[in-house]
PDB file of N, CA and C in Angstrom:
ATOM      1  N   MET A   1       0.839  -1.163   0.000  1.00  0.00           N
ATOM      2  CA  MET A   1       0.000   0.000   0.000  1.00  0.00           C
ATOM      3  C   MET A   1       0.896   1.242   0.000  1.00  0.00           C
ATOM      4  N   PRO A   2       0.626   2.205  -0.849  1.00  0.00           N
ATOM      5  CA  PRO A   2       1.451   3.409  -0.927  1.00  0.00           C
ATOM      6  C   PRO A   2       1.419   4.228   0.371  1.00  0.00           C
ATOM      7  N   PHE A   3       2.518   4.897   0.640  1.00  0.00           N
ATOM      8  CA  PHE A   3       2.703   5.724   1.834  1.00  0.00           C
ATOM      9  C   PHE A   3       1.555   6.727   2.000  1.00  0.00           C
ATOM     10  N   ARG A   4       1.162   7.387   0.920  1.00  0.00           N
ATOM     11  CA  ARG A   4       0.112   8.413   0.970  1.00  0.00           C
ATOM     12  C   ARG A   4      -1.231   7.824   1.416  1.00  0.00           C
ATOM     13  N   GLU A   5      -1.562   6.646   0.927  1.00  0.00           N
ATOM     14  CA  GLU A   5      -2.828   6.023   1.307  1.00  0.00           C
ATOM     15  C   GLU A   5      -2.861   5.635   2.783  1.00  0.00           C
ATOM     16  N   VAL A   6      -1.736   5.237   3.302  1.00  0.00           N
ATOM     17  CA  VAL A   6      -1.673   4.813   4.703  1.00  0.00           C
ATOM     18  C   VAL A   6      -1.653   6.014   5.638  1.00  0.00           C
ATOM     19  N   THR A   7      -0.871   7.059   5.298  1.00  0.00           N
ATOM     20  CA  THR A   7      -0.646   8.172   6.217  1.00  0.00           C
ATOM     21  C   THR A   7      -1.417   9.441   5.877  1.00  0.00           C
ATOM     22  N   GLY A   8      -1.824   9.581   4.614  1.00  0.00           N
ATOM     23  CA  GLY A   8      -2.424  10.835   4.177  1.00  0.00           C
ATOM     24  C   GLY A   8      -1.382  11.890   3.869  1.00  0.00           C
ATOM     25  N   LEU A   9      -0.112  11.541   3.972  1.00  0.00           N
ATOM     26  CA  LEU A   9       0.996  12.468   3.715  1.00  0.00           C
ATOM     27  C   LEU A   9       1.614  12.191   2.356  1.00  0.00           C
ATOM     28  N   THR A  10       2.225  13.217   1.772  1.00  0.00           N
ATOM     29  CA  THR A  10       2.957  13.013   0.520  1.00  0.00           C
ATOM     30  C   THR A  10       4.452  12.963   0.751  1.00  0.00           C
ATOM     31  N   GLN A  11       4.917  13.432   1.911  1.00  0.00           N
ATOM     32  CA  GLN A  11       6.339  13.375   2.244  1.00  0.00           C
ATOM     33  C   GLN A  11       6.508  13.420   3.751  1.00  0.00           C
ATOM     34  N   GLY A  12       7.730  13.255   4.186  1.00  0.00           N
ATOM     35  CA  GLY A  12       8.009  13.298   5.613  1.00  0.00           C
ATOM     36  C   GLY A  12       7.891  11.940   6.265  1.00  0.00           C
ATOM     37  N   SER A  13       7.628  11.957   7.540  1.00  0.00           N
ATOM     38  CA  SER A  13       7.520  10.709   8.284  1.00  0.00           C
ATOM     39  C   SER A  13       6.232  10.704   9.097  1.00  0.00           C
ATOM     40  N   ALA A  14       5.786   9.542   9.418  1.00  0.00           N
ATOM     41  CA  ALA A  14       4.561   9.372  10.190  1.00  0.00           C
ATOM     42  C   ALA A  14       4.888   8.602  11.459  1.00  0.00           C
ATOM     43  N   PRO A  15       4.261   8.957  12.576  1.00  0.00           N
ATOM     44  CA  PRO A  15       4.517   8.207  13.807  1.00  0.00           C
ATOM     45  C   PRO A  15       4.013   6.769  13.679  1.00  0.00           C
ATOM     46  N   VAL A  16       4.772   5.873  14.269  1.00  0.00           N
ATOM     47  CA  VAL A  16       4.415   4.462  14.235  1.00  0.00           C
ATOM     48  C   VAL A  16       4.401   3.942  15.665  1.00  0.00           C
ATOM     49  N   ASP A  17       3.343   3.302  16.042  1.00  0.00           N
ATOM     50  CA  ASP A  17       3.261   2.633  17.342  1.00  0.00           C
ATOM     51  C   ASP A  17       3.451   1.145  17.121  1.00  0.00           C
ATOM     52  N   TRP A  18       4.172   0.497  18.025  1.00  0.00           N
ATOM     53  CA  TRP A  18       4.358  -0.940  17.938  1.00  0.00           C
ATOM     54  C   TRP A  18       4.433  -1.497  19.347  1.00  0.00           C
ATOM     55  N   PHE A  19       4.252  -2.784  19.439  1.00  0.00           N
ATOM     56  CA  PHE A  19       4.356  -3.459  20.724  1.00  0.00           C
ATOM     57  C   PHE A  19       4.755  -4.905  20.483  1.00  0.00           C
ATOM     58  N   ILE A  20       5.340  -5.491  21.509  1.00  0.00           N
ATOM     59  CA  ILE A  20       5.776  -6.881  21.441  1.00  0.00           C
ATOM     60  C   ILE A  20       4.575  -7.775  21.723  1.00  0.00           C
ATOM     61  N   VAL A  21       4.416  -8.784  20.911  1.00  0.00           N
ATOM     62  CA  VAL A  21       3.336  -9.749  21.120  1.00  0.00           C
ATOM     63  C   VAL A  21       3.950 -11.124  21.385  1.00  0.00           C
ATOM     64  N   PRO A  22       3.295 -11.954  22.172  1.00  0.00           N
ATOM     65  CA  PRO A  22       3.815 -13.305  22.406  1.00  0.00           C
ATOM     66  C   PRO A  22       3.859 -14.094  21.090  1.00  0.00           C
ATOM     67  N   CYS A  23       4.935 -14.814  20.885  1.00  0.00           N
ATOM     68  CA  CYS A  23       5.109 -15.575  19.646  1.00  0.00           C
ATOM     69  C   CYS A  23       4.774 -17.053  19.795  1.00  0.00           C
ATOM     70  N   GLY A  24       4.778 -17.566  21.022  1.00  0.00           N
ATOM     71  CA  GLY A  24       4.496 -18.980  21.208  1.00  0.00           C
ATOM     72  C   GLY A  24       3.095 -19.317  20.756  1.00  0.00           C
ATOM     73  N   PRO A  25       2.888 -20.402  20.125  1.00  0.00           N
ATOM     74  CA  PRO A  25       3.812 -21.523  19.931  1.00  0.00           C
ATOM     75  C   PRO A  25       4.642 -21.431  18.657  1.00  0.00           C
ATOM     76  N   PHE A  26       4.759 -20.236  18.078  1.00  0.00           N
ATOM     77  CA  PHE A  26       5.439 -20.091  16.794  1.00  0.00           C
ATOM     78  C   PHE A  26       6.957 -20.002  16.912  1.00  0.00           C
ATOM     79  N   ASP A  27       7.482 -19.743  18.089  1.00  0.00           N
ATOM     80  CA  ASP A  27       8.930 -19.617  18.261  1.00  0.00           C
ATOM     81  C   ASP A  27       9.535 -20.959  18.654  1.00  0.00           C
ATOM     82  N   THR A  28       9.313 -21.954  17.831  1.00  0.00           N
ATOM     83  CA  THR A  28       9.831 -23.292  18.109  1.00  0.00           C
ATOM     84  C   THR A  28      11.324 -23.338  17.808  1.00  0.00           C
ATOM     85  N   GLY A  29      12.010 -24.199  18.487  1.00  0.00           N
ATOM     86  CA  GLY A  29      13.446 -24.330  18.275  1.00  0.00           C
ATOM     87  C   GLY A  29      14.208 -23.281  19.060  1.00  0.00           C
ATOM     88  N   GLY A  30      15.482 -23.244  18.835  1.00  0.00           N
ATOM     89  CA  GLY A  30      16.353 -22.348  19.585  1.00  0.00           C
ATOM     90  C   GLY A  30      16.593 -21.025  18.892  1.00  0.00           C
ATOM     91  N   ILE A  31      17.302 -20.173  19.598  1.00  0.00           N
ATOM     92  CA  ILE A  31      17.706 -18.875  19.062  1.00  0.00           C
ATOM     93  C   ILE A  31      18.739 -19.114  17.968  1.00  0.00           C
ATOM     94  N   ARG A  32      18.644 -18.326  16.906  1.00  0.00           N
ATOM     95  CA  ARG A  32      19.586 -18.442  15.790  1.00  0.00           C
ATOM     96  C   ARG A  32      20.459 -17.199  15.713  1.00  0.00           C
ATOM     97  N   LEU A  33      21.676 -17.397  15.252  1.00  0.00           N
ATOM     98  CA  LEU A  33      22.652 -16.323  15.075  1.00  0.00           C
ATOM     99  C   LEU A  33      23.067 -16.297  13.613  1.00  0.00           C
ATOM    100  N   ASP A  34      22.994 -15.125  12.990  1.00  0.00           N
ATOM    101  CA  ASP A  34      23.461 -14.951  11.615  1.00  0.00           C
ATOM    102  C   ASP A  34      24.652 -14.012  11.605  1.00  0.00           C
ATOM    103  N   VAL A  35      25.690 -14.384  10.866  1.00  0.00           N
ATOM    104  CA  VAL A  35      26.838 -13.509  10.630  1.00  0.00           C
ATOM    105  C   VAL A  35      26.524 -12.751   9.340  1.00  0.00           C
ATOM    106  N   LEU A  36      26.501 -11.430   9.429  1.00  0.00           N
ATOM    107  CA  LEU A  36      26.013 -10.606   8.331  1.00  0.00           C
ATOM    108  C   LEU A  36      27.133 -10.094   7.427  1.00  0.00           C
ATOM    109  N   PRO A  37      26.787  -9.729   6.185  1.00  0.00           N
ATOM    110  CA  PRO A  37      27.767  -9.162   5.257  1.00  0.00           C
ATOM    111  C   PRO A  37      28.446  -7.931   5.865  1.00  0.00           C
ATOM    112  N   GLY A  38      29.696  -7.735   5.504  1.00  0.00           N
ATOM    113  CA  GLY A  38      30.491  -6.640   6.044  1.00  0.00           C
ATOM    114  C   GLY A  38      31.349  -7.070   7.213  1.00  0.00           C
ATOM    115  N   SER A  39      31.174  -8.304   7.652  1.00  0.00           N
ATOM    116  CA  SER A  39      31.936  -8.815   8.791  1.00  0.00           C
ATOM    117  C   SER A  39      33.305  -9.311   8.346  1.00  0.00           C
ATOM    118  N   ASN A  40      34.266  -9.202   9.263  1.00  0.00           N
ATOM    119  CA  ASN A  40      35.611  -9.724   9.018  1.00  0.00           C
ATOM    120  C   ASN A  40      36.223 -10.078  10.375  1.00  0.00           C
ATOM    121  N   ASP A  41      37.522 -10.362  10.405  1.00  0.00           N
ATOM    122  CA  ASP A  41      38.170 -10.779  11.650  1.00  0.00           C
ATOM    123  C   ASP A  41      38.107  -9.717  12.747  1.00  0.00           C
ATOM    124  N   TYR A  42      37.988  -8.440  12.357  1.00  0.00           N
ATOM    125  CA  TYR A  42      38.084  -7.351  13.316  1.00  0.00           C
ATOM    126  C   TYR A  42      36.760  -6.637  13.584  1.00  0.00           C
ATOM    127  N   TYR A  43      35.764  -6.937  12.790  1.00  0.00           N
ATOM    128  CA  TYR A  43      34.462  -6.276  12.920  1.00  0.00           C
ATOM    129  C   TYR A  43      33.385  -7.276  12.508  1.00  0.00           C
ATOM    130  N   GLN A  44      32.463  -7.542  13.405  1.00  0.00           N
ATOM    131  CA  GLN A  44      31.402  -8.508  13.132  1.00  0.00           C
ATOM    132  C   GLN A  44      30.043  -7.847  13.293  1.00  0.00           C
ATOM    133  N   GLN A  45      29.162  -8.053  12.318  1.00  0.00           N
ATOM    134  CA  GLN A  45      27.761  -7.677  12.462  1.00  0.00           C
ATOM    135  C   GLN A  45      26.970  -8.973  12.607  1.00  0.00           C
ATOM    136  N   LEU A  46      26.172  -9.042  13.667  1.00  0.00           N
ATOM    137  CA  LEU A  46      25.439 -10.259  13.966  1.00  0.00           C
ATOM    138  C   LEU A  46      23.962  -9.950  14.153  1.00  0.00           C
ATOM    139  N   SER A  47      23.142 -10.933  13.869  1.00  0.00           N
ATOM    140  CA  SER A  47      21.703 -10.819  14.080  1.00  0.00           C
ATOM    141  C   SER A  47      21.230 -12.071  14.806  1.00  0.00           C
ATOM    142  N   PHE A  48      20.459 -11.867  15.866  1.00  0.00           N
ATOM    143  CA  PHE A  48      19.857 -12.977  16.587  1.00  0.00           C
ATOM    144  C   PHE A  48      18.379 -13.025  16.214  1.00  0.00           C
ATOM    145  N   SER A  49      17.855 -14.211  15.984  1.00  0.00           N
ATOM    146  CA  SER A  49      16.446 -14.353  15.622  1.00  0.00           C
ATOM    147  C   SER A  49      15.840 -15.540  16.360  1.00  0.00           C
ATOM    148  N   ASN A  50      14.519 -15.633  16.285  1.00  0.00           N
ATOM    149  CA  ASN A  50      13.746 -16.721  16.867  1.00  0.00           C
ATOM    150  C   ASN A  50      13.846 -16.774  18.393  1.00  0.00           C
ATOM    151  N   SER A  51      14.009 -15.616  19.008  1.00  0.00           N
ATOM    152  CA  SER A  51      14.066 -15.554  20.470  1.00  0.00           C
ATOM    153  C   SER A  51      12.673 -15.301  21.022  1.00  0.00           C
ATOM    154  N   ALA A  52      12.280 -16.075  22.017  1.00  0.00           N
ATOM    155  CA  ALA A  52      10.967 -15.904  22.635  1.00  0.00           C
ATOM    156  C   ALA A  52      10.917 -14.655  23.512  1.00  0.00           C
ATOM    157  N   ASP A  53      12.058 -14.101  23.875  1.00  0.00           N
ATOM    158  CA  ASP A  53      12.157 -12.893  24.687  1.00  0.00           C
ATOM    159  C   ASP A  53      13.122 -11.948  23.978  1.00  0.00           C
ATOM    160  N   PRO A  54      12.808 -10.656  23.871  1.00  0.00           N
ATOM    161  CA  PRO A  54      13.752  -9.728  23.232  1.00  0.00           C
ATOM    162  C   PRO A  54      15.112  -9.772  23.924  1.00  0.00           C
ATOM    163  N   ILE A  55      16.163  -9.749  23.142  1.00  0.00           N
ATOM    164  CA  ILE A  55      17.519  -9.813  23.684  1.00  0.00           C
ATOM    165  C   ILE A  55      17.951  -8.419  24.107  1.00  0.00           C
ATOM    166  N   ALA A  56      18.295  -8.276  25.382  1.00  0.00           N
ATOM    167  CA  ALA A  56      18.682  -6.988  25.942  1.00  0.00           C
ATOM    168  C   ALA A  56      20.194  -6.800  25.967  1.00  0.00           C
ATOM    169  N   ASN A  57      20.938  -7.909  26.013  1.00  0.00           N
ATOM    170  CA  ASN A  57      22.390  -7.827  26.112  1.00  0.00           C
ATOM    171  C   ASN A  57      22.985  -9.095  25.505  1.00  0.00           C
ATOM    172  N   ALA A  58      24.141  -8.932  24.854  1.00  0.00           N
ATOM    173  CA  ALA A  58      24.831 -10.081  24.264  1.00  0.00           C
ATOM    174  C   ALA A  58      26.332  -9.909  24.437  1.00  0.00           C
ATOM    175  N   THR A  59      27.017 -11.021  24.713  1.00  0.00           N
ATOM    176  CA  THR A  59      28.476 -11.010  24.807  1.00  0.00           C
ATOM    177  C   THR A  59      29.043 -12.200  24.046  1.00  0.00           C
ATOM    178  N   ILE A  60      30.268 -12.033  23.563  1.00  0.00           N
ATOM    179  CA  ILE A  60      31.047 -13.139  22.997  1.00  0.00           C
ATOM    180  C   ILE A  60      32.365 -13.155  23.745  1.00  0.00           C
ATOM    181  N   ASN A  61      32.681 -14.289  24.338  1.00  0.00           N
ATOM    182  CA  ASN A  61      33.890 -14.439  25.150  1.00  0.00           C
ATOM    183  C   ASN A  61      34.021 -13.303  26.165  1.00  0.00           C
ATOM    184  N   ASN A  62      32.904 -13.003  26.820  1.00  0.00           N
ATOM    185  CA  ASN A  62      32.812 -11.967  27.856  1.00  0.00           C
ATOM    186  C   ASN A  62      33.014 -10.546  27.343  1.00  0.00           C
ATOM    187  N   HIS A  63      33.066 -10.346  26.033  1.00  0.00           N
ATOM    188  CA  HIS A  63      33.175  -9.004  25.458  1.00  0.00           C
ATOM    189  C   HIS A  63      31.779  -8.561  25.028  1.00  0.00           C
ATOM    190  N   PRO A  64      31.286  -7.424  25.555  1.00  0.00           N
ATOM    191  CA  PRO A  64      29.928  -7.001  25.206  1.00  0.00           C
ATOM    192  C   PRO A  64      29.797  -6.602  23.739  1.00  0.00           C
ATOM    193  N   LEU A  65      28.692  -7.007  23.133  1.00  0.00           N
ATOM    194  CA  LEU A  65      28.353  -6.571  21.789  1.00  0.00           C
ATOM    195  C   LEU A  65      27.521  -5.298  21.904  1.00  0.00           C
ATOM    196  N   GLN A  66      27.636  -4.442  20.906  1.00  0.00           N
ATOM    197  CA  GLN A  66      26.878  -3.194  20.891  1.00  0.00           C
ATOM    198  C   GLN A  66      25.674  -3.348  19.975  1.00  0.00           C
ATOM    199  N   LEU A  67      24.495  -2.952  20.463  1.00  0.00           N
ATOM    200  CA  LEU A  67      23.286  -2.984  19.647  1.00  0.00           C
ATOM    201  C   LEU A  67      23.190  -1.669  18.879  1.00  0.00           C
ATOM    202  N   THR A  68      23.106  -1.770  17.562  1.00  0.00           N
ATOM    203  CA  THR A  68      23.046  -0.577  16.717  1.00  0.00           C
ATOM    204  C   THR A  68      21.612  -0.094  16.548  1.00  0.00           C
ATOM    205  N   ASP A  69      21.483   1.089  15.972  1.00  0.00           N
ATOM    206  CA  ASP A  69      20.155   1.640  15.664  1.00  0.00           C
ATOM    207  C   ASP A  69      19.432   0.820  14.609  1.00  0.00           C
ATOM    208  N   TRP A  70      20.169   0.050  13.822  1.00  0.00           N
ATOM    209  CA  TRP A  70      19.554  -0.767  12.778  1.00  0.00           C
ATOM    210  C   TRP A  70      19.385  -2.217  13.237  1.00  0.00           C
ATOM    211  N   HIS A  71      19.398  -2.423  14.540  1.00  0.00           N
ATOM    212  CA  HIS A  71      19.106  -3.709  15.185  1.00  0.00           C
ATOM    213  C   HIS A  71      20.074  -4.815  14.804  1.00  0.00           C
ATOM    214  N   ARG A  72      21.329  -4.463  14.695  1.00  0.00           N
ATOM    215  CA  ARG A  72      22.399  -5.434  14.508  1.00  0.00           C
ATOM    216  C   ARG A  72      23.298  -5.368  15.732  1.00  0.00           C
ATOM    217  N   TRP A  73      23.796  -6.503  16.134  1.00  0.00           N
ATOM    218  CA  TRP A  73      24.750  -6.564  17.234  1.00  0.00           C
ATOM    219  C   TRP A  73      26.137  -6.520  16.622  1.00  0.00           C
ATOM    220  N   VAL A  74      27.016  -5.684  17.163  1.00  0.00           N
ATOM    221  CA  VAL A  74      28.331  -5.457  16.564  1.00  0.00           C
ATOM    222  C   VAL A  74      29.431  -5.811  17.561  1.00  0.00           C
ATOM    223  N   TRP A  75      30.413  -6.551  17.049  1.00  0.00           N
ATOM    224  CA  TRP A  75      31.652  -6.828  17.778  1.00  0.00           C
ATOM    225  C   TRP A  75      32.719  -5.928  17.185  1.00  0.00           C
ATOM    226  N   TYR A  76      33.323  -5.121  18.017  1.00  0.00           N
ATOM    227  CA  TYR A  76      34.506  -4.367  17.624  1.00  0.00           C
ATOM    228  C   TYR A  76      35.314  -4.184  18.884  1.00  0.00           C
ATOM    229  N   ASN A  77      36.557  -4.659  18.904  1.00  0.00           N
ATOM    230  CA  ASN A  77      37.360  -4.668  20.118  1.00  0.00           C
ATOM    231  C   ASN A  77      38.682  -3.954  19.897  1.00  0.00           C
ATOM    232  N   ASP A  78      38.596  -2.675  19.535  1.00  0.00           N
ATOM    233  CA  ASP A  78      39.800  -1.843  19.380  1.00  0.00           C
ATOM    234  C   ASP A  78      40.882  -2.508  18.552  1.00  0.00           C
ATOM    235  N   GLY A  79      40.508  -3.063  17.425  1.00  0.00           N
ATOM    236  CA  GLY A  79      41.479  -3.639  16.510  1.00  0.00           C
ATOM    237  C   GLY A  79      41.933  -5.039  16.844  1.00  0.00           C
ATOM    238  N   GLN A  80      41.353  -5.654  17.860  1.00  0.00           N
ATOM    239  CA  GLN A  80      41.700  -7.023  18.211  1.00  0.00           C
ATOM    240  C   GLN A  80      40.787  -7.982  17.448  1.00  0.00           C
ATOM    241  N   PRO A  81      41.336  -9.015  16.825  1.00  0.00           N
ATOM    242  CA  PRO A  81      40.490  -9.949  16.070  1.00  0.00           C
ATOM    243  C   PRO A  81      39.607 -10.776  16.989  1.00  0.00           C
ATOM    244  N   LEU A  82      38.466 -11.144  16.452  1.00  0.00           N
ATOM    245  CA  LEU A  82      37.535 -11.991  17.197  1.00  0.00           C
ATOM    246  C   LEU A  82      38.093 -13.396  17.360  1.00  0.00           C
ATOM    247  N   GLY A  83      38.774 -13.883  16.359  1.00  0.00           N
ATOM    248  CA  GLY A  83      39.297 -15.243  16.425  1.00  0.00           C
ATOM    249  C   GLY A  83      38.264 -16.225  15.942  1.00  0.00           C
ATOM    250  N   HIS A  84      38.163 -16.370  14.642  1.00  0.00           N
ATOM    251  CA  HIS A  84      37.143 -17.211  14.035  1.00  0.00           C
ATOM    252  C   HIS A  84      37.315 -18.692  14.336  1.00  0.00           C
ATOM    253  N   GLY A  85      38.487 -19.092  14.781  1.00  0.00           N
ATOM    254  CA  GLY A  85      38.723 -20.509  14.999  1.00  0.00           C
ATOM    255  C   GLY A  85      37.972 -21.092  16.173  1.00  0.00           C
ATOM    256  N   GLY A  86      37.480 -20.240  17.047  1.00  0.00           N
ATOM    257  CA  GLY A  86      36.713 -20.720  18.185  1.00  0.00           C
ATOM    258  C   GLY A  86      37.613 -21.244  19.288  1.00  0.00           C
ATOM    259  N   PRO A  87      37.081 -21.735  20.363  1.00  0.00           N
ATOM    260  CA  PRO A  87      35.640 -21.732  20.629  1.00  0.00           C
ATOM    261  C   PRO A  87      35.167 -20.344  21.038  1.00  0.00           C
ATOM    262  N   LEU A  88      33.904 -20.065  20.787  1.00  0.00           N
ATOM    263  CA  LEU A  88      33.292 -18.798  21.169  1.00  0.00           C
ATOM    264  C   LEU A  88      32.169 -19.083  22.164  1.00  0.00           C
ATOM    265  N   GLU A  89      32.218 -18.396  23.281  1.00  0.00           N
ATOM    266  CA  GLU A  89      31.181 -18.515  24.300  1.00  0.00           C
ATOM    267  C   GLU A  89      30.244 -17.326  24.149  1.00  0.00           C
ATOM    268  N   ILE A  90      28.981 -17.597  23.897  1.00  0.00           N
ATOM    269  CA  ILE A  90      27.983 -16.560  23.685  1.00  0.00           C
ATOM    270  C   ILE A  90      27.039 -16.540  24.874  1.00  0.00           C
ATOM    271  N   ALA A  91      26.811 -15.355  25.430  1.00  0.00           N
ATOM    272  CA  ALA A  91      25.854 -15.180  26.521  1.00  0.00           C
ATOM    273  C   ALA A  91      24.816 -14.156  26.083  1.00  0.00           C
ATOM    274  N   LEU A  92      23.546 -14.516  26.213  1.00  0.00           N
ATOM    275  CA  LEU A  92      22.444 -13.640  25.843  1.00  0.00           C
ATOM    276  C   LEU A  92      21.589 -13.385  27.078  1.00  0.00           C
ATOM    277  N   THR A  93      21.249 -12.129  27.301  1.00  0.00           N
ATOM    278  CA  THR A  93      20.358 -11.758  28.392  1.00  0.00           C
ATOM    279  C   THR A  93      19.057 -11.260  27.786  1.00  0.00           C
ATOM    280  N   GLY A  94      17.944 -11.851  28.206  1.00  0.00           N
ATOM    281  CA  GLY A  94      16.638 -11.434  27.717  1.00  0.00           C
ATOM    282  C   GLY A  94      16.122 -10.225  28.474  1.00  0.00           C
ATOM    283  N   SER A  95      15.041  -9.651  27.995  1.00  0.00           N
ATOM    284  CA  SER A  95      14.475  -8.459  28.627  1.00  0.00           C
ATOM    285  C   SER A  95      13.964  -8.737  30.046  1.00  0.00           C
ATOM    286  N   THR A  96      13.723 -10.003  30.357  1.00  0.00           N
ATOM    287  CA  THR A  96      13.277 -10.367  31.704  1.00  0.00           C
ATOM    288  C   THR A  96      14.448 -10.584  32.660  1.00  0.00           C
ATOM    289  N   GLY A  97      15.684 -10.543  32.134  1.00  0.00           N
ATOM    290  CA  GLY A  97      16.871 -10.764  32.954  1.00  0.00           C
ATOM    291  C   GLY A  97      17.403 -12.184  32.888  1.00  0.00           C
ATOM    292  N   ALA A  98      16.667 -13.084  32.259  1.00  0.00           N
ATOM    293  CA  ALA A  98      17.138 -14.466  32.120  1.00  0.00           C
ATOM    294  C   ALA A  98      18.366 -14.497  31.208  1.00  0.00           C
ATOM    295  N   VAL A  99      19.307 -15.360  31.532  1.00  0.00           N
ATOM    296  CA  VAL A  99      20.546 -15.483  30.755  1.00  0.00           C
ATOM    297  C   VAL A  99      20.629 -16.876  30.149  1.00  0.00           C
ATOM    298  N   ARG A 100      21.006 -16.941  28.894  1.00  0.00           N
ATOM    299  CA  ARG A 100      21.236 -18.209  28.210  1.00  0.00           C
ATOM    300  C   ARG A 100      22.636 -18.167  27.611  1.00  0.00           C
ATOM    301  N   THR A 101      23.339 -19.295  27.684  1.00  0.00           N
ATOM    302  CA  THR A 101      24.693 -19.363  27.136  1.00  0.00           C
ATOM    303  C   THR A 101      24.786 -20.493  26.117  1.00  0.00           C
ATOM    304  N   ALA A 102      25.661 -20.280  25.156  1.00  0.00           N
ATOM    305  CA  ALA A 102      25.906 -21.288  24.121  1.00  0.00           C
ATOM    306  C   ALA A 102      27.365 -21.215  23.731  1.00  0.00           C
ATOM    307  N   SER A 103      27.883 -22.307  23.207  1.00  0.00           N
ATOM    308  CA  SER A 103      29.269 -22.372  22.767  1.00  0.00           C
ATOM    309  C   SER A 103      29.306 -22.760  21.295  1.00  0.00           C
ATOM    310  N   LEU A 104      30.109 -22.032  20.528  1.00  0.00           N
ATOM    311  CA  LEU A 104      30.352 -22.383  19.129  1.00  0.00           C
ATOM    312  C   LEU A 104      31.791 -22.854  19.022  1.00  0.00           C
ATOM    313  N   PRO A 105      31.993 -24.152  18.933  1.00  0.00           N
ATOM    314  CA  PRO A 105      33.361 -24.673  18.938  1.00  0.00           C
ATOM    315  C   PRO A 105      34.167 -24.272  17.715  1.00  0.00           C
ATOM    316  N   GLY A 106      33.517 -24.046  16.585  1.00  0.00           N
ATOM    317  CA  GLY A 106      34.251 -23.756  15.359  1.00  0.00           C
ATOM    318  C   GLY A 106      34.349 -22.301  14.992  1.00  0.00           C
ATOM    319  N   GLY A 107      33.807 -21.387  15.794  1.00  0.00           N
ATOM    320  CA  GLY A 107      33.866 -19.974  15.486  1.00  0.00           C
ATOM    321  C   GLY A 107      32.763 -19.554  14.524  1.00  0.00           C
ATOM    322  N   LEU A 108      32.880 -18.325  13.997  1.00  0.00           N
ATOM    323  CA  LEU A 108      31.865 -17.736  13.130  1.00  0.00           C
ATOM    324  C   LEU A 108      32.313 -17.754  11.679  1.00  0.00           C
ATOM    325  N   GLN A 109      31.353 -17.911  10.779  1.00  0.00           N
ATOM    326  CA  GLN A 109      31.630 -17.887   9.346  1.00  0.00           C
ATOM    327  C   GLN A 109      30.592 -17.023   8.672  1.00  0.00           C
ATOM    328  N   LEU A 110      31.027 -16.132   7.804  1.00  0.00           N
ATOM    329  CA  LEU A 110      30.143 -15.212   7.105  1.00  0.00           C
ATOM    330  C   LEU A 110      29.068 -15.953   6.331  1.00  0.00           C
ATOM    331  N   GLY A 111      27.825 -15.481   6.455  1.00  0.00           N
ATOM    332  CA  GLY A 111      26.714 -16.041   5.708  1.00  0.00           C
ATOM    333  C   GLY A 111      26.158 -17.341   6.266  1.00  0.00           C
ATOM    334  N   VAL A 112      26.635 -17.761   7.427  1.00  0.00           N
ATOM    335  CA  VAL A 112      26.182 -19.017   8.019  1.00  0.00           C
ATOM    336  C   VAL A 112      25.228 -18.704   9.168  1.00  0.00           C
ATOM    337  N   GLN A 113      24.147 -19.474   9.259  1.00  0.00           N
ATOM    338  CA  GLN A 113      23.213 -19.343  10.371  1.00  0.00           C
ATOM    339  C   GLN A 113      23.530 -20.445  11.381  1.00  0.00           C
ATOM    340  N   PHE A 114      23.719 -20.045  12.620  1.00  0.00           N
ATOM    341  CA  PHE A 114      24.024 -20.983  13.690  1.00  0.00           C
ATOM    342  C   PHE A 114      22.803 -21.152  14.577  1.00  0.00           C
ATOM    343  N   HIS A 115      22.449 -22.379  14.874  1.00  0.00           N
ATOM    344  CA  HIS A 115      21.381 -22.682  15.818  1.00  0.00           C
ATOM    345  C   HIS A 115      22.048 -22.841  17.174  1.00  0.00           C
ATOM    346  N   LEU A 116      21.774 -21.939  18.082  1.00  0.00           N
ATOM    347  CA  LEU A 116      22.474 -21.919  19.358  1.00  0.00           C
ATOM    348  C   LEU A 116      21.999 -22.978  20.344  1.00  0.00           C
ATOM    349  N   GLY A 117      20.830 -23.561  20.114  1.00  0.00           N
ATOM    350  CA  GLY A 117      20.352 -24.634  20.992  1.00  0.00           C
ATOM    351  C   GLY A 117      19.862 -24.152  22.341  1.00  0.00           C
ATOM    352  N   VAL A 118      19.579 -22.855  22.469  1.00  0.00           N
ATOM    353  CA  VAL A 118      19.028 -22.313  23.713  1.00  0.00           C
ATOM    354  C   VAL A 118      17.800 -21.466  23.374  1.00  0.00           C
ATOM    355  N   GLN A 119      16.939 -21.272  24.378  1.00  0.00           N
ATOM    356  CA  GLN A 119      15.730 -20.471  24.185  1.00  0.00           C
ATOM    357  C   GLN A 119      15.326 -19.884  25.533  1.00  0.00           C
ATOM    358  N   PHE A 120      14.702 -18.743  25.534  1.00  0.00           N
ATOM    359  CA  PHE A 120      14.179 -18.136  26.756  1.00  0.00           C
ATOM    360  C   PHE A 120      12.832 -18.728  27.087  1.00  0.00           C
TER     361      PHE A 120
END
């Protein structure tokens, strides 16, 4: 549907309201991690999906990831490589404060989706 039909505007922006809705029973399986394009040994863009609870905090090997405005989690450690060879310990904190941990023995690979085997 065209922007004008939805908002009545021809330009600019329109306010949007949204809210979180329960996904169960649709959030079957574990949380997934995607390594996104633009990632390399020194800078990683990651996306977590299929989480039953919004992710409030994420770490890899105890290093906090930064959540961007475009909803990507970013690893950047002052020029230190992430170390793709693994193992990588991932800790996720949900909006309720619950923590889930997972280990990736082989490290991260661009364009690969990892099933972490954990869920909130």
